[in-house]
Amino acid sequence: MTIEAAQQQVDEWIKTIGVRYFNELTNLGILMEEVGELSRLIVRKYGEQSFKESDKGKELSDEMADVLWVLLCLANQTGVDLTTALKKNFEKKTIRDAQRHKGNHKL
């Protein structure tokens, strides 16, 4: 699935099953919640914290998909074409970081 197709599919789902988009500020709050859930799982899986009973059954892939879903919603609501935005972001990073990381002794 392309990013464009994902944006379209989310939009169709929202309009048919979800009834309507939550407003942009609500979706921003939901995005932060979803990022927090992803963070919690990564910290427990790869960090030093142990899993809690409430963490059982949580999948990293599902938490990432939740983050992506809300980001796609926000892009749709604000008129952002994420395909174009990502292409521009690659160009920016390529120009800006062409030598930056190669010269980083920490890497």
N, C-alpha and C. Protein backbone atom coordinates (compact mmCIF):
# COMPACT_ATOMS: atom_id res chain seq x y z
N MET A 1 0.84 -1.17 0.00
CA MET A 1 0.00 0.00 0.00
C MET A 1 0.89 1.24 0.00
N THR A 2 0.55 2.18 -0.83
CA THR A 2 1.30 3.44 -0.86
C THR A 2 0.79 4.36 0.26
N ILE A 3 1.55 5.39 0.53
CA ILE A 3 1.11 6.37 1.52
C ILE A 3 -0.17 7.05 1.04
N GLU A 4 -0.20 7.38 -0.25
CA GLU A 4 -1.39 8.02 -0.82
C GLU A 4 -2.62 7.13 -0.65
N ALA A 5 -2.46 5.85 -0.94
CA ALA A 5 -3.58 4.91 -0.78
C ALA A 5 -3.99 4.79 0.68
N ALA A 6 -3.02 4.82 1.58
CA ALA A 6 -3.33 4.75 3.01
C ALA A 6 -4.13 5.97 3.44
N GLN A 7 -3.74 7.16 2.98
CA GLN A 7 -4.49 8.36 3.32
C GLN A 7 -5.92 8.26 2.80
N GLN A 8 -6.08 7.77 1.58
CA GLN A 8 -7.42 7.64 1.00
C GLN A 8 -8.25 6.61 1.75
N GLN A 9 -7.63 5.50 2.10
CA GLN A 9 -8.36 4.44 2.79
C GLN A 9 -8.80 4.89 4.19
N VAL A 10 -7.93 5.59 4.89
CA VAL A 10 -8.30 6.13 6.21
C VAL A 10 -9.46 7.11 6.05
N ASP A 11 -9.38 7.98 5.05
CA ASP A 11 -10.44 8.95 4.82
C ASP A 11 -11.77 8.25 4.55
N GLU A 12 -11.76 7.23 3.72
CA GLU A 12 -12.97 6.48 3.42
C GLU A 12 -13.52 5.80 4.68
N TRP A 13 -12.63 5.20 5.48
CA TRP A 13 -13.06 4.54 6.71
C TRP A 13 -13.70 5.54 7.67
N ILE A 14 -13.06 6.70 7.83
CA ILE A 14 -13.57 7.72 8.74
C ILE A 14 -14.97 8.16 8.30
N LYS A 15 -15.15 8.36 7.01
CA LYS A 15 -16.42 8.88 6.50
C LYS A 15 -17.54 7.84 6.49
N THR A 16 -17.20 6.56 6.50
CA THR A 16 -18.23 5.52 6.44
C THR A 16 -18.44 4.81 7.77
N ILE A 17 -17.38 4.48 8.45
CA ILE A 17 -17.48 3.72 9.70
C ILE A 17 -17.26 4.63 10.91
N GLY A 18 -16.32 5.53 10.81
CA GLY A 18 -16.00 6.42 11.92
C GLY A 18 -16.91 7.61 12.05
N VAL A 19 -17.80 7.81 11.11
CA VAL A 19 -18.78 8.90 11.06
C VAL A 19 -18.14 10.22 10.65
N ARG A 20 -17.13 10.68 11.40
CA ARG A 20 -16.43 11.94 11.06
C ARG A 20 -15.09 11.94 11.77
N TYR A 21 -14.23 12.85 11.34
CA TYR A 21 -12.95 13.05 12.01
C TYR A 21 -13.18 13.73 13.36
N PHE A 22 -12.40 13.35 14.37
CA PHE A 22 -12.30 14.18 15.56
C PHE A 22 -11.61 15.46 15.13
N ASN A 23 -11.76 16.54 15.86
CA ASN A 23 -11.09 17.76 15.43
C ASN A 23 -9.58 17.61 15.56
N GLU A 24 -8.87 18.54 14.95
CA GLU A 24 -7.41 18.44 14.87
C GLU A 24 -6.74 18.41 16.25
N LEU A 25 -7.22 19.20 17.17
CA LEU A 25 -6.61 19.21 18.51
C LEU A 25 -6.87 17.89 19.24
N THR A 26 -8.06 17.34 19.08
CA THR A 26 -8.35 16.03 19.68
C THR A 26 -7.44 14.98 19.08
N ASN A 27 -7.28 15.00 17.76
CA ASN A 27 -6.40 14.02 17.12
C ASN A 27 -4.95 14.21 17.51
N LEU A 28 -4.53 15.44 17.75
CA LEU A 28 -3.17 15.66 18.24
C LEU A 28 -3.00 15.01 19.60
N GLY A 29 -3.98 15.18 20.48
CA GLY A 29 -3.94 14.53 21.79
C GLY A 29 -3.92 13.02 21.66
N ILE A 30 -4.73 12.48 20.76
CA ILE A 30 -4.76 11.02 20.54
C ILE A 30 -3.41 10.55 20.01
N LEU A 31 -2.80 11.34 19.11
CA LEU A 31 -1.48 10.98 18.59
C LEU A 31 -0.47 10.89 19.72
N MET A 32 -0.50 11.85 20.63
CA MET A 32 0.43 11.83 21.76
C MET A 32 0.18 10.60 22.64
N GLU A 33 -1.08 10.25 22.84
CA GLU A 33 -1.40 9.04 23.62
C GLU A 33 -0.83 7.79 22.94
N GLU A 34 -1.03 7.72 21.64
CA GLU A 34 -0.55 6.54 20.90
C GLU A 34 0.97 6.45 20.90
N VAL A 35 1.63 7.59 20.76
CA VAL A 35 3.10 7.61 20.84
C VAL A 35 3.54 7.16 22.22
N GLY A 36 2.81 7.58 23.25
CA GLY A 36 3.12 7.15 24.61
C GLY A 36 2.99 5.65 24.78
N GLU A 37 1.95 5.06 24.19
CA GLU A 37 1.77 3.61 24.27
C GLU A 37 2.90 2.89 23.55
N LEU A 38 3.30 3.41 22.40
CA LEU A 38 4.42 2.83 21.66
C LEU A 38 5.70 2.95 22.48
N SER A 39 5.91 4.11 23.07
CA SER A 39 7.10 4.34 23.90
C SER A 39 7.15 3.37 25.07
N ARG A 40 6.02 3.21 25.74
CA ARG A 40 5.94 2.31 26.89
C ARG A 40 6.37 0.89 26.50
N LEU A 41 5.88 0.43 25.37
CA LEU A 41 6.19 -0.93 24.93
C LEU A 41 7.67 -1.07 24.54
N ILE A 42 8.21 -0.09 23.85
CA ILE A 42 9.62 -0.14 23.46
C ILE A 42 10.52 -0.08 24.69
N VAL A 43 10.17 0.76 25.66
CA VAL A 43 10.95 0.86 26.89
C VAL A 43 10.99 -0.48 27.62
N ARG A 44 9.87 -1.18 27.61
CA ARG A 44 9.81 -2.46 28.30
C ARG A 44 10.50 -3.57 27.50
N LYS A 45 10.37 -3.51 26.20
CA LYS A 45 10.96 -4.56 25.35
C LYS A 45 12.47 -4.39 25.20
N TYR A 46 12.92 -3.16 25.01
CA TYR A 46 14.34 -2.93 24.72
C TYR A 46 15.08 -2.19 25.84
N GLY A 47 14.33 -1.61 26.76
CA GLY A 47 14.93 -0.85 27.85
C GLY A 47 15.04 -1.70 29.11
N GLU A 48 15.12 -1.03 30.21
CA GLU A 48 15.39 -1.70 31.47
C GLU A 48 14.15 -1.93 32.33
N GLN A 49 13.01 -1.42 31.90
CA GLN A 49 11.80 -1.64 32.69
C GLN A 49 11.21 -3.02 32.38
N SER A 50 10.60 -3.61 33.39
CA SER A 50 9.97 -4.91 33.20
C SER A 50 8.53 -4.72 32.76
N PHE A 51 8.00 -5.76 32.13
CA PHE A 51 6.61 -5.73 31.67
C PHE A 51 5.68 -5.81 32.86
N LYS A 52 4.53 -5.15 32.71
CA LYS A 52 3.47 -5.23 33.70
C LYS A 52 2.38 -6.12 33.12
N GLU A 53 1.49 -6.56 33.95
CA GLU A 53 0.39 -7.41 33.53
C GLU A 53 -0.40 -6.74 32.39
N SER A 54 -0.58 -5.42 32.50
CA SER A 54 -1.36 -4.68 31.49
C SER A 54 -0.65 -4.59 30.14
N ASP A 55 0.65 -4.91 30.09
CA ASP A 55 1.40 -4.86 28.84
C ASP A 55 1.26 -6.14 28.03
N LYS A 56 0.78 -7.19 28.64
CA LYS A 56 0.69 -8.48 27.96
C LYS A 56 -0.26 -8.39 26.77
N GLY A 57 0.15 -9.02 25.70
CA GLY A 57 -0.67 -9.05 24.49
C GLY A 57 -0.50 -7.84 23.59
N LYS A 58 0.26 -6.84 24.02
CA LYS A 58 0.49 -5.66 23.19
C LYS A 58 1.56 -5.98 22.14
N GLU A 59 1.31 -5.56 20.94
CA GLU A 59 2.24 -5.81 19.83
C GLU A 59 2.85 -4.48 19.36
N LEU A 60 4.15 -4.49 19.17
CA LEU A 60 4.85 -3.32 18.68
C LEU A 60 4.27 -2.86 17.35
N SER A 61 4.00 -3.80 16.46
CA SER A 61 3.47 -3.45 15.14
C SER A 61 2.10 -2.77 15.25
N ASP A 62 1.26 -3.23 16.14
CA ASP A 62 -0.06 -2.63 16.32
C ASP A 62 0.05 -1.22 16.88
N GLU A 63 0.97 -1.02 17.83
CA GLU A 63 1.15 0.31 18.40
C GLU A 63 1.69 1.28 17.35
N MET A 64 2.61 0.81 16.49
CA MET A 64 3.11 1.66 15.41
C MET A 64 2.00 1.99 14.42
N ALA A 65 1.17 1.02 14.12
CA ALA A 65 0.05 1.25 13.20
C ALA A 65 -0.94 2.26 13.78
N ASP A 66 -1.15 2.22 15.09
CA ASP A 66 -2.03 3.21 15.73
C ASP A 66 -1.47 4.62 15.55
N VAL A 67 -0.16 4.77 15.73
CA VAL A 67 0.48 6.08 15.54
C VAL A 67 0.31 6.53 14.09
N LEU A 68 0.56 5.63 13.16
CA LEU A 68 0.45 5.96 11.74
C LEU A 68 -0.98 6.35 11.38
N TRP A 69 -1.95 5.62 11.91
CA TRP A 69 -3.36 5.90 11.64
C TRP A 69 -3.72 7.34 12.00
N VAL A 70 -3.37 7.76 13.20
CA VAL A 70 -3.73 9.11 13.64
C VAL A 70 -2.95 10.15 12.85
N LEU A 71 -1.70 9.86 12.50
CA LEU A 71 -0.92 10.78 11.68
C LEU A 71 -1.57 10.94 10.30
N LEU A 72 -2.06 9.84 9.74
CA LEU A 72 -2.76 9.91 8.46
C LEU A 72 -4.04 10.73 8.58
N CYS A 73 -4.75 10.58 9.69
CA CYS A 73 -5.94 11.40 9.93
C CYS A 73 -5.58 12.88 9.94
N LEU A 74 -4.55 13.22 10.69
CA LEU A 74 -4.14 14.63 10.79
C LEU A 74 -3.70 15.18 9.44
N ALA A 75 -3.01 14.36 8.67
CA ALA A 75 -2.59 14.79 7.33
C ALA A 75 -3.82 15.07 6.47
N ASN A 76 -4.79 14.18 6.51
CA ASN A 76 -6.01 14.38 5.74
C ASN A 76 -6.73 15.65 6.17
N GLN A 77 -6.83 15.86 7.45
CA GLN A 77 -7.56 17.01 7.98
C GLN A 77 -6.90 18.34 7.64
N THR A 78 -5.59 18.33 7.56
CA THR A 78 -4.86 19.59 7.34
C THR A 78 -4.41 19.77 5.90
N GLY A 79 -4.81 18.85 5.03
CA GLY A 79 -4.49 18.98 3.61
C GLY A 79 -3.05 18.66 3.25
N VAL A 80 -2.40 17.86 4.07
CA VAL A 80 -1.01 17.48 3.81
C VAL A 80 -0.97 16.20 2.98
N ASP A 81 -0.29 16.27 1.85
CA ASP A 81 -0.03 15.08 1.03
C ASP A 81 1.27 14.48 1.58
N LEU A 82 1.15 13.41 2.33
CA LEU A 82 2.33 12.84 2.99
C LEU A 82 3.35 12.27 2.01
N THR A 83 2.92 11.84 0.84
CA THR A 83 3.86 11.35 -0.16
C THR A 83 4.79 12.48 -0.59
N THR A 84 4.21 13.61 -0.93
CA THR A 84 4.99 14.77 -1.33
C THR A 84 5.84 15.27 -0.17
N ALA A 85 5.25 15.32 1.02
CA ALA A 85 5.97 15.80 2.19
C ALA A 85 7.19 14.92 2.49
N LEU A 86 7.02 13.61 2.38
CA LEU A 86 8.13 12.70 2.66
C LEU A 86 9.24 12.84 1.61
N LYS A 87 8.85 12.99 0.35
CA LYS A 87 9.86 13.20 -0.71
C LYS A 87 10.67 14.46 -0.43
N LYS A 88 9.98 15.55 -0.09
CA LYS A 88 10.67 16.81 0.24
C LYS A 88 11.57 16.64 1.46
N ASN A 89 11.11 15.86 2.43
CA ASN A 89 11.89 15.65 3.64
C ASN A 89 13.17 14.87 3.34
N PHE A 90 13.07 13.87 2.45
CA PHE A 90 14.26 13.13 2.03
C PHE A 90 15.26 14.07 1.37
N GLU A 91 14.77 14.94 0.49
CA GLU A 91 15.65 15.89 -0.20
C GLU A 91 16.34 16.80 0.81
N LYS A 92 15.58 17.33 1.75
CA LYS A 92 16.14 18.22 2.78
C LYS A 92 17.23 17.51 3.58
N LYS A 93 16.92 16.31 4.04
CA LYS A 93 17.89 15.57 4.85
C LYS A 93 19.13 15.17 4.05
N THR A 94 18.93 14.83 2.79
CA THR A 94 20.05 14.44 1.94
C THR A 94 21.02 15.59 1.74
N ILE A 95 20.47 16.77 1.51
CA ILE A 95 21.33 17.94 1.33
C ILE A 95 21.98 18.33 2.66
N ARG A 96 21.19 18.42 3.68
CA ARG A 96 21.68 18.87 4.98
C ARG A 96 22.67 17.90 5.62
N ASP A 97 22.41 16.61 5.46
CA ASP A 97 23.18 15.61 6.19
C ASP A 97 24.13 14.79 5.32
N ALA A 98 24.43 15.30 4.11
CA ALA A 98 25.26 14.54 3.18
C ALA A 98 26.57 14.06 3.81
N GLN A 99 27.19 14.89 4.61
CA GLN A 99 28.46 14.52 5.25
C GLN A 99 28.36 14.45 6.76
N ARG A 100 27.28 14.95 7.31
CA ARG A 100 27.13 15.11 8.76
C ARG A 100 27.34 13.81 9.53
N HIS A 101 26.68 12.76 9.13
CA HIS A 101 26.74 11.51 9.88
C HIS A 101 28.03 10.73 9.63
N LYS A 102 28.57 10.88 8.43
CA LYS A 102 29.82 10.20 8.11
C LYS A 102 30.97 10.71 8.97
N GLY A 103 30.88 11.97 9.35
CA GLY A 103 31.93 12.56 10.17
C GLY A 103 31.67 12.49 11.67
N ASN A 104 30.62 11.84 12.07
CA ASN A 104 30.28 11.75 13.49
C ASN A 104 31.01 10.59 14.14
N HIS A 105 31.98 10.87 14.98
CA HIS A 105 32.76 9.82 15.62
C HIS A 105 31.94 8.99 16.60
N LYS A 106 30.77 9.51 17.01
CA LYS A 106 29.90 8.76 17.93
C LYS A 106 29.21 7.60 17.21
N LEU A 107 29.13 7.68 15.90
CA LEU A 107 28.49 6.61 15.14
C LEU A 107 29.53 5.62 14.71
